[in-house]
C-alpha cells in the first residue's frame, strides 16, 4: 500500500463541482492499494499514519501527530501512485490492486480510520476528483507498506513515481 501524506492547513475534494469532503488543518492522504495488499497492511499503514510526528510542538519542532493536534484526515483514493514509468512514456499500473479489491481495501482503511480518529473525510473511489489543498510547511511524506513483508518506510521502489 502506498500513501502520500501532505500536512495541510486546509484541503477539499470535489466531484462534479460539489465539495464531497473537506478538512481544516490535518493530513491529506492520497492512498493506493497494490496487488498483494491485505487488511493487515491497511491497518499498519493507518496506525503509522496516525502516530507520525509531523506537526509542530510549542517549540516548532515536528514532535506531534495528527491525533495529538486533533487534525483531520482527508482520504482520497489514487491508484496512479502505483505507476511504473521504467519502460516507455506511458505509465503502467499493473501493480495497482484490481478495482474491486482496491475499493474493498480503501473502504476498510476508511472504516478503520473513522473508528480510530474523530475527523475523517473522503473522496469518492474511482471518481474524477478535483483536490484542493494548502500544503503546510510544505510537508509531504511518501509511505509504503508492502504486503509481502513487514517493511514500513518512505521508499516507493519500482515506480519512479516519487523520484525526480
C-alpha atoms as a PDB file:
ATOM      1  CA  UNK A   1       0.000   0.000   0.000  1.00  0.00           C
ATOM      2  CA  UNK A   2       1.270   3.426  -0.931  1.00  0.00           C
ATOM      3  CA  UNK A   3       0.269   6.724   0.622  1.00  0.00           C
ATOM      4  CA  UNK A   4       1.359  10.286   0.093  1.00  0.00           C
ATOM      5  CA  UNK A   5       0.732  12.363   3.220  1.00  0.00           C
ATOM      6  CA  UNK A   6       0.540  16.100   2.925  1.00  0.00           C
ATOM      7  CA  UNK A   7       0.317  18.228   6.034  1.00  0.00           C
ATOM      8  CA  UNK A   8      -2.290  20.834   5.189  1.00  0.00           C
ATOM      9  CA  UNK A   9      -3.885  23.899   6.697  1.00  0.00           C
ATOM     10  CA  UNK A  10      -6.980  23.019   4.637  1.00  0.00           C
ATOM     11  CA  UNK A  11      -7.971  20.567   1.902  1.00  0.00           C
ATOM     12  CA  UNK A  12     -11.092  19.646  -0.027  1.00  0.00           C
ATOM     13  CA  UNK A  13     -12.211  17.315  -2.774  1.00  0.00           C
ATOM     14  CA  UNK A  14     -14.897  17.979  -5.378  1.00  0.00           C
ATOM     15  CA  UNK A  15     -16.824  15.666  -7.673  1.00  0.00           C
ATOM     16  CA  UNK A  16     -18.949  17.213 -10.422  1.00  0.00           C
ATOM     17  CA  UNK A  17     -18.391  20.650  -8.866  1.00  0.00           C
ATOM     18  CA  UNK A  18     -19.724  19.604  -5.450  1.00  0.00           C
ATOM     19  CA  UNK A  19     -17.494  19.518  -2.361  1.00  0.00           C
ATOM     20  CA  UNK A  20     -17.812  15.973  -1.004  1.00  0.00           C
ATOM     21  CA  UNK A  21     -15.057  16.126   1.618  1.00  0.00           C
ATOM     22  CA  UNK A  22     -13.097  18.850   3.360  1.00  0.00           C
ATOM     23  CA  UNK A  23     -10.903  19.379   6.401  1.00  0.00           C
ATOM     24  CA  UNK A  24      -9.117  22.222   8.126  1.00  0.00           C
ATOM     25  CA  UNK A  25      -5.632  21.533   9.482  1.00  0.00           C
ATOM     26  CA  UNK A  26      -4.572  17.909   9.224  1.00  0.00           C
ATOM     27  CA  UNK A  27      -3.446  15.396   6.629  1.00  0.00           C
ATOM     28  CA  UNK A  28      -4.452  14.935   3.027  1.00  0.00           C
ATOM     29  CA  UNK A  29      -3.894  11.232   2.364  1.00  0.00           C
ATOM     30  CA  UNK A  30      -3.564  10.026  -1.220  1.00  0.00           C
ATOM     31  CA  UNK A  31      -3.968   6.242  -0.942  1.00  0.00           C
ATOM     32  CA  UNK A  32      -3.228   3.388  -3.350  1.00  0.00           C
ATOM     33  CA  UNK A  33      -3.811  -0.315  -2.762  1.00  0.00           C
ATOM     34  CA  UNK A  34      -1.388  -2.617  -4.566  1.00  0.00           C
ATOM     35  CA  UNK A  35      -1.563  -6.267  -5.575  1.00  0.00           C
ATOM     36  CA  UNK A  36      -0.998  -8.442  -2.526  1.00  0.00           C
ATOM     37  CA  UNK A  37      -2.184  -5.862  -0.012  1.00  0.00           C
ATOM     38  CA  UNK A  38      -4.372  -7.080   2.838  1.00  0.00           C
ATOM     39  CA  UNK A  39      -6.486  -5.629   5.625  1.00  0.00           C
ATOM     40  CA  UNK A  40      -3.450  -6.067   7.901  1.00  0.00           C
ATOM     41  CA  UNK A  41      -1.359  -3.910   5.557  1.00  0.00           C
ATOM     42  CA  UNK A  42      -4.044  -1.204   5.555  1.00  0.00           C
ATOM     43  CA  UNK A  43      -4.235  -1.370   9.362  1.00  0.00           C
ATOM     44  CA  UNK A  44      -0.442  -0.969   9.655  1.00  0.00           C
ATOM     45  CA  UNK A  45      -0.500   1.989   7.282  1.00  0.00           C
ATOM     46  CA  UNK A  46      -3.222   3.703   9.291  1.00  0.00           C
ATOM     47  CA  UNK A  47      -1.523   3.039  12.648  1.00  0.00           C
ATOM     48  CA  UNK A  48       1.751   4.521  11.408  1.00  0.00           C
ATOM     49  CA  UNK A  49       0.000   7.492   9.807  1.00  0.00           C
ATOM     50  CA  UNK A  50      -1.948   8.412  12.945  1.00  0.00           C
ATOM     51  CA  UNK A  51       1.205   8.363  15.103  1.00  0.00           C
ATOM     52  CA  UNK A  52       3.631  10.002  12.655  1.00  0.00           C
ATOM     53  CA  UNK A  53       5.086  13.101  14.323  1.00  0.00           C
ATOM     54  CA  UNK A  54       4.990  15.713  11.572  1.00  0.00           C
ATOM     55  CA  UNK A  55       3.166  18.557  13.341  1.00  0.00           C
ATOM     56  CA  UNK A  56       4.954  21.243  15.310  1.00  0.00           C
ATOM     57  CA  UNK A  57       5.042  21.396  19.073  1.00  0.00           C
ATOM     58  CA  UNK A  58       5.225  24.636  21.084  1.00  0.00           C
ATOM     59  CA  UNK A  59       8.909  24.979  20.163  1.00  0.00           C
ATOM     60  CA  UNK A  60       8.155  24.479  16.451  1.00  0.00           C
ATOM     61  CA  UNK A  61       9.780  21.043  16.351  1.00  0.00           C
ATOM     62  CA  UNK A  62       7.942  18.288  14.441  1.00  0.00           C
ATOM     63  CA  UNK A  63       7.020  16.330  17.526  1.00  0.00           C
ATOM     64  CA  UNK A  64       3.232  15.900  17.413  1.00  0.00           C
ATOM     65  CA  UNK A  65       0.960  13.565  15.465  1.00  0.00           C
ATOM     66  CA  UNK A  66      -2.325  14.312  13.707  1.00  0.00           C
ATOM     67  CA  UNK A  67      -4.005  12.725  16.738  1.00  0.00           C
ATOM     68  CA  UNK A  68      -2.056  14.947  19.129  1.00  0.00           C
ATOM     69  CA  UNK A  69      -3.168  18.125  17.333  1.00  0.00           C
ATOM     70  CA  UNK A  70      -6.739  16.963  16.647  1.00  0.00           C
ATOM     71  CA  UNK A  71      -6.264  17.405  12.901  1.00  0.00           C
ATOM     72  CA  UNK A  72      -8.490  15.986  10.224  1.00  0.00           C
ATOM     73  CA  UNK A  73      -7.845  13.280   7.658  1.00  0.00           C
ATOM     74  CA  UNK A  74      -8.994  13.673   4.060  1.00  0.00           C
ATOM     75  CA  UNK A  75      -8.518  10.275   2.411  1.00  0.00           C
ATOM     76  CA  UNK A  76      -8.521  10.199  -1.394  1.00  0.00           C
ATOM     77  CA  UNK A  77      -8.029   7.052  -3.473  1.00  0.00           C
ATOM     78  CA  UNK A  78      -5.309   7.386  -6.104  1.00  0.00           C
ATOM     79  CA  UNK A  79      -4.327   4.241  -7.999  1.00  0.00           C
ATOM     80  CA  UNK A  80      -1.814   6.239 -10.056  1.00  0.00           C
ATOM     81  CA  UNK A  81       0.617   6.079  -7.117  1.00  0.00           C
ATOM     82  CA  UNK A  82       1.354   2.535  -8.337  1.00  0.00           C
ATOM     83  CA  UNK A  83       2.659   3.901 -11.649  1.00  0.00           C
ATOM     84  CA  UNK A  84       5.705   2.242 -13.128  1.00  0.00           C
ATOM     85  CA  UNK A  85       7.426   4.609 -15.535  1.00  0.00           C
ATOM     86  CA  UNK A  86      10.503   2.453 -16.160  1.00  0.00           C
ATOM     87  CA  UNK A  87       9.545   1.355 -19.674  1.00  0.00           C
ATOM     88  CA  UNK A  88       8.394   3.818 -22.285  1.00  0.00           C
ATOM     89  CA  UNK A  89       6.454   7.023 -21.894  1.00  0.00           C
ATOM     90  CA  UNK A  90       3.089   5.662 -20.803  1.00  0.00           C
ATOM     91  CA  UNK A  91       2.911   4.647 -17.136  1.00  0.00           C
ATOM     92  CA  UNK A  92       1.951   1.079 -16.313  1.00  0.00           C
ATOM     93  CA  UNK A  93      -0.425   0.489 -13.415  1.00  0.00           C
ATOM     94  CA  UNK A  94      -0.136  -3.301 -13.272  1.00  0.00           C
ATOM     95  CA  UNK A  95       0.974  -3.212  -9.621  1.00  0.00           C
ATOM     96  CA  UNK A  96      -2.218  -1.457  -8.510  1.00  0.00           C
ATOM     97  CA  UNK A  97      -4.833  -3.702  -6.931  1.00  0.00           C
ATOM     98  CA  UNK A  98      -7.713  -4.723  -9.176  1.00  0.00           C
ATOM     99  CA  UNK A  99     -10.574  -2.191  -8.907  1.00  0.00           C
ATOM    100  CA  UNK A 100     -12.837  -4.374  -6.726  1.00  0.00           C
ATOM    101  CA  UNK A 101     -10.011  -5.230  -4.335  1.00  0.00           C
ATOM    102  CA  UNK A 102      -8.759  -1.643  -4.340  1.00  0.00           C
ATOM    103  CA  UNK A 103     -12.242  -0.412  -3.384  1.00  0.00           C
ATOM    104  CA  UNK A 104     -12.539  -3.038  -0.642  1.00  0.00           C
ATOM    105  CA  UNK A 105      -9.163  -2.079   0.861  1.00  0.00           C
ATOM    106  CA  UNK A 106      -9.915   1.650   0.572  1.00  0.00           C
ATOM    107  CA  UNK A 107     -13.272   1.126   2.309  1.00  0.00           C
ATOM    108  CA  UNK A 108     -11.575  -0.956   5.024  1.00  0.00           C
ATOM    109  CA  UNK A 109      -8.969   1.782   5.562  1.00  0.00           C
ATOM    110  CA  UNK A 110     -11.653   4.479   5.825  1.00  0.00           C
ATOM    111  CA  UNK A 111     -13.796   2.389   8.193  1.00  0.00           C
ATOM    112  CA  UNK A 112     -10.817   1.789  10.475  1.00  0.00           C
ATOM    113  CA  UNK A 113      -9.792   5.460  10.290  1.00  0.00           C
ATOM    114  CA  UNK A 114     -13.284   6.555  11.327  1.00  0.00           C
ATOM    115  CA  UNK A 115     -13.200   4.122  14.244  1.00  0.00           C
ATOM    116  CA  UNK A 116      -9.847   5.486  15.457  1.00  0.00           C
ATOM    117  CA  UNK A 117      -9.917   9.191  14.583  1.00  0.00           C
ATOM    118  CA  UNK A 118     -12.652  11.793  15.110  1.00  0.00           C
ATOM    119  CA  UNK A 119     -12.387  13.758  11.832  1.00  0.00           C
ATOM    120  CA  UNK A 120     -12.243  11.687   8.642  1.00  0.00           C
ATOM    121  CA  UNK A 121     -13.493  12.899   5.285  1.00  0.00           C
ATOM    122  CA  UNK A 122     -13.113  11.141   1.935  1.00  0.00           C
ATOM    123  CA  UNK A 123     -13.117  11.450  -1.775  1.00  0.00           C
ATOM    124  CA  UNK A 124     -15.133   9.047  -3.938  1.00  0.00           C
ATOM    125  CA  UNK A 125     -13.409   5.878  -5.105  1.00  0.00           C
ATOM    126  CA  UNK A 126     -12.825   5.793  -8.891  1.00  0.00           C
ATOM    127  CA  UNK A 127     -14.425   9.214  -9.436  1.00  0.00           C
ATOM    128  CA  UNK A 128     -12.901  12.078 -11.385  1.00  0.00           C
ATOM    129  CA  UNK A 129     -11.989  14.312  -8.447  1.00  0.00           C
ATOM    130  CA  UNK A 130     -10.543  17.775  -8.082  1.00  0.00           C
ATOM    131  CA  UNK A 131      -8.436  18.063  -4.961  1.00  0.00           C
ATOM    132  CA  UNK A 132      -7.525  21.447  -3.491  1.00  0.00           C
ATOM    133  CA  UNK A 133      -5.130  21.974  -0.632  1.00  0.00           C
ATOM    134  CA  UNK A 134      -2.861  24.376   1.122  1.00  0.00           C
ATOM    135  CA  UNK A 135       0.267  22.403   1.937  1.00  0.00           C
ATOM    136  CA  UNK A 136       1.535  23.459   5.363  1.00  0.00           C
ATOM    137  CA  UNK A 137       5.323  23.592   5.555  1.00  0.00           C
ATOM    138  CA  UNK A 138       5.387  22.224   2.913  1.00  0.00           C
ATOM    139  CA  UNK A 139       5.451  18.763   4.459  1.00  0.00           C
ATOM    140  CA  UNK A 140       4.908  15.842   2.070  1.00  0.00           C
ATOM    141  CA  UNK A 141       5.740  12.288   3.171  1.00  0.00           C
ATOM    142  CA  UNK A 142       5.635   9.233   0.873  1.00  0.00           C
ATOM    143  CA  UNK A 143       4.862   5.980   2.695  1.00  0.00           C
ATOM    144  CA  UNK A 144       4.772   2.372   1.587  1.00  0.00           C
ATOM    145  CA  UNK A 145       3.909  -0.784   3.453  1.00  0.00           C
ATOM    146  CA  UNK A 146       4.339  -3.908   1.392  1.00  0.00           C
ATOM    147  CA  UNK A 147       2.012  -6.870   1.613  1.00  0.00           C
ATOM    148  CA  UNK A 148       4.850  -9.342   1.243  1.00  0.00           C
ATOM    149  CA  UNK A 149       6.865  -8.240   4.283  1.00  0.00           C
ATOM    150  CA  UNK A 150       6.792  -6.068   7.363  1.00  0.00           C
ATOM    151  CA  UNK A 151       8.627  -3.145   5.770  1.00  0.00           C
ATOM    152  CA  UNK A 152       7.334   0.258   6.753  1.00  0.00           C
ATOM    153  CA  UNK A 153       9.111   3.073   5.040  1.00  0.00           C
ATOM    154  CA  UNK A 154       9.111   6.053   2.815  1.00  0.00           C
ATOM    155  CA  UNK A 155      10.602   4.369  -0.227  1.00  0.00           C
ATOM    156  CA  UNK A 156       8.443   3.658  -3.237  1.00  0.00           C
ATOM    157  CA  UNK A 157      10.544   1.132  -5.202  1.00  0.00           C
ATOM    158  CA  UNK A 158       9.903   0.132  -8.829  1.00  0.00           C
ATOM    159  CA  UNK A 159       7.662   3.047  -9.577  1.00  0.00           C
ATOM    160  CA  UNK A 160       9.690   6.128 -10.210  1.00  0.00           C
ATOM    161  CA  UNK A 161       6.512   7.928  -9.093  1.00  0.00           C
ATOM    162  CA  UNK A 162       8.261   9.770  -6.250  1.00  0.00           C
ATOM    163  CA  UNK A 163      11.679  10.175  -7.815  1.00  0.00           C
ATOM    164  CA  UNK A 164      12.994  13.046  -9.851  1.00  0.00           C
END
